[in-house]
């Protein structure tokens, strides 16, 4: 008898409409929260890009540094700026600096490797301009960086009601 009631409730248009609205509302809320974080992450990314690109340009054009060494130093400067802004403003993480920073550092070392490889290919193999190449690899890396940063480095621990 209970199975018949359950089947009837699923086929009931009012029940189905309410359930669909609740599910869509929840999905919408998750998307808004994620989109807000992505927009904030993008804003921080613009600041980081400005720090990285201006440092990179300074090191190669004014200081006369090798472009790969300039890339590493400029990336680290942008990374420090990114960590501070992302921890405090975008993801608002309360965990210890050490735990979060180790994960953040791992993500960014991976991204630095991808960035450097892309830069090397664009400059040495495809003979693109150094600054244009840097802009291209930074832009392409932003989406992967957001995914890894938000899902792992700055992922919030989920607590059950029993843990509180």
Protein backbone atom coordinates (compact mmCIF):
# COMPACT_ATOMS: atom_id res chain seq x y z
CA UNK A 1 0.00 0.00 0.00
CA UNK A 2 2.82 2.41 0.88
CA UNK A 3 4.44 1.79 -2.50
CA UNK A 4 1.21 2.81 -4.22
CA UNK A 5 1.12 6.08 -2.23
CA UNK A 6 4.74 6.84 -3.11
CA UNK A 7 4.14 6.15 -6.79
CA UNK A 8 1.03 8.32 -6.77
CA UNK A 9 2.89 11.18 -5.10
CA UNK A 10 5.63 11.07 -7.74
CA UNK A 11 3.03 11.18 -10.48
CA UNK A 12 1.14 14.01 -8.78
CA UNK A 13 1.84 17.17 -10.84
CA UNK A 14 1.77 19.46 -7.78
CA UNK A 15 4.32 17.28 -5.97
CA UNK A 16 6.53 17.08 -9.07
CA UNK A 17 6.36 20.85 -9.66
CA UNK A 18 7.26 21.67 -6.05
CA UNK A 19 10.11 19.18 -6.08
CA UNK A 20 11.41 20.56 -9.37
CA UNK A 21 11.21 24.14 -8.01
CA UNK A 22 13.09 23.13 -4.84
CA UNK A 23 15.79 21.36 -6.82
CA UNK A 24 16.15 24.25 -9.27
CA UNK A 25 16.23 26.71 -6.38
CA UNK A 26 19.02 24.77 -4.69
CA UNK A 27 20.98 24.45 -7.94
CA UNK A 28 20.50 28.18 -8.54
CA UNK A 29 21.75 29.03 -5.05
CA UNK A 30 24.85 26.87 -5.53
CA UNK A 31 25.48 28.49 -8.91
CA UNK A 32 25.11 32.02 -7.47
CA UNK A 33 27.51 31.24 -4.62
CA UNK A 34 29.97 29.62 -7.03
CA UNK A 35 29.58 32.46 -9.53
CA UNK A 36 30.15 35.05 -6.79
CA UNK A 37 33.33 33.26 -5.75
CA UNK A 38 34.40 32.93 -9.38
CA UNK A 39 33.85 36.67 -9.96
CA UNK A 40 35.81 37.52 -6.81
CA UNK A 41 38.49 35.01 -7.86
CA UNK A 42 38.56 36.67 -11.28
CA UNK A 43 38.96 40.11 -9.71
CA UNK A 44 41.83 38.85 -7.56
CA UNK A 45 43.18 37.21 -10.72
CA UNK A 46 43.19 40.57 -12.48
CA UNK A 47 45.20 42.06 -9.62
CA UNK A 48 47.54 39.04 -9.63
CA UNK A 49 47.94 39.30 -13.39
CA UNK A 50 48.84 42.97 -13.03
CA UNK A 51 51.39 42.11 -10.33
CA UNK A 52 52.79 39.19 -12.34
CA UNK A 53 52.91 40.91 -15.74
CA UNK A 54 54.32 44.20 -14.44
CA UNK A 55 56.97 42.33 -12.41
CA UNK A 56 57.76 40.12 -15.40
CA UNK A 57 58.09 43.14 -17.70
CA UNK A 58 60.27 44.94 -15.15
CA UNK A 59 62.58 41.94 -14.73
CA UNK A 60 63.08 41.26 -18.45
CA UNK A 61 63.08 44.82 -19.86
CA UNK A 62 64.58 46.92 -17.06
CA UNK A 63 66.60 44.43 -15.01
CA UNK A 64 67.67 42.45 -18.12
CA UNK A 65 66.81 39.12 -16.48
CA UNK A 66 66.30 35.84 -18.36
CA UNK A 67 62.60 35.49 -19.20
CA UNK A 68 62.22 32.11 -17.46
CA UNK A 69 63.81 33.35 -14.21
CA UNK A 70 61.68 36.50 -14.48
CA UNK A 71 58.62 34.28 -14.91
CA UNK A 72 59.37 32.33 -11.73
CA UNK A 73 59.98 35.40 -9.57
CA UNK A 74 56.97 37.27 -10.99
CA UNK A 75 54.77 34.21 -10.49
CA UNK A 76 55.81 33.91 -6.84
CA UNK A 77 54.99 37.59 -6.25
CA UNK A 78 51.54 37.09 -7.80
CA UNK A 79 51.07 33.88 -5.81
CA UNK A 80 51.72 35.57 -2.46
CA UNK A 81 49.27 38.32 -3.37
CA UNK A 82 46.75 35.67 -4.49
CA UNK A 83 47.02 33.67 -1.28
CA UNK A 84 46.32 36.68 0.92
CA UNK A 85 43.31 37.91 -1.08
CA UNK A 86 41.82 34.45 -1.71
CA UNK A 87 42.14 33.27 1.89
CA UNK A 88 40.68 36.40 3.45
CA UNK A 89 38.20 37.68 0.86
CA UNK A 90 37.20 35.11 -1.78
CA UNK A 91 36.98 31.87 0.20
CA UNK A 92 37.09 33.34 3.75
CA UNK A 93 38.95 30.38 5.19
CA UNK A 94 39.38 30.17 8.96
CA UNK A 95 41.73 27.15 8.99
CA UNK A 96 45.37 27.56 9.96
CA UNK A 97 47.63 29.30 7.48
CA UNK A 98 49.97 26.33 7.31
CA UNK A 99 47.40 23.73 6.25
CA UNK A 100 45.80 25.93 3.61
CA UNK A 101 49.10 27.35 2.38
CA UNK A 102 50.64 23.91 1.77
CA UNK A 103 47.70 22.97 -0.47
CA UNK A 104 47.69 26.40 -2.12
CA UNK A 105 51.44 26.14 -2.73
CA UNK A 106 51.02 22.67 -4.30
CA UNK A 107 48.34 23.96 -6.69
CA UNK A 108 50.45 26.97 -7.60
CA UNK A 109 53.62 24.95 -8.14
CA UNK A 110 51.65 22.81 -10.58
CA UNK A 111 50.35 25.96 -12.23
CA UNK A 112 53.86 27.43 -12.37
CA UNK A 113 55.04 24.27 -14.14
CA UNK A 114 52.19 24.49 -16.64
CA UNK A 115 52.79 28.23 -17.05
CA UNK A 116 56.53 27.76 -17.61
CA UNK A 117 56.03 24.91 -20.08
CA UNK A 118 53.49 26.95 -22.03
CA UNK A 119 55.77 29.97 -21.99
CA UNK A 120 58.72 27.90 -23.18
CA UNK A 121 56.70 26.40 -26.05
CA UNK A 122 55.28 29.75 -27.15
CA UNK A 123 58.61 31.62 -26.96
CA UNK A 124 61.21 29.02 -27.99
CA UNK A 125 59.29 26.74 -30.34
CA UNK A 126 56.54 28.93 -31.80
CA UNK A 127 58.61 32.17 -31.54
CA UNK A 128 55.86 34.32 -30.06
CA UNK A 129 56.66 37.58 -28.27
CA UNK A 130 57.64 37.04 -24.60
CA UNK A 131 55.05 39.39 -23.12
CA UNK A 132 52.22 38.19 -25.39
CA UNK A 133 53.13 34.60 -24.48
CA UNK A 134 52.99 35.41 -20.78
CA UNK A 135 49.54 36.97 -21.16
CA UNK A 136 48.31 33.89 -23.04
CA UNK A 137 49.53 31.32 -20.50
CA UNK A 138 48.26 33.33 -17.52
CA UNK A 139 44.83 33.65 -19.13
CA UNK A 140 44.57 29.96 -19.95
CA UNK A 141 45.75 28.92 -16.50
CA UNK A 142 43.11 30.93 -14.64
CA UNK A 143 40.26 28.43 -15.13
CA UNK A 144 42.32 25.41 -14.06
CA UNK A 145 43.71 27.39 -11.13
CA UNK A 146 40.19 28.34 -9.98
CA UNK A 147 39.01 24.75 -10.19
CA UNK A 148 41.94 23.37 -8.16
CA UNK A 149 41.96 26.25 -5.69
CA UNK A 150 38.24 26.16 -4.98
CA UNK A 151 37.82 22.38 -4.87
CA UNK A 152 40.95 21.49 -2.95
CA UNK A 153 43.23 24.25 -1.65
CA UNK A 154 40.50 26.45 -0.16
CA UNK A 155 37.77 23.79 0.10
CA UNK A 156 35.83 24.22 3.32
CA UNK A 157 35.48 21.22 5.59
CA UNK A 158 31.92 19.95 5.69
CA UNK A 159 30.64 19.20 9.18
CA UNK A 160 27.64 17.10 10.07
CA UNK A 161 25.25 18.20 12.81
CA UNK A 162 26.90 15.61 15.09
CA UNK A 163 30.28 17.39 14.77
CA UNK A 164 28.94 20.73 16.00
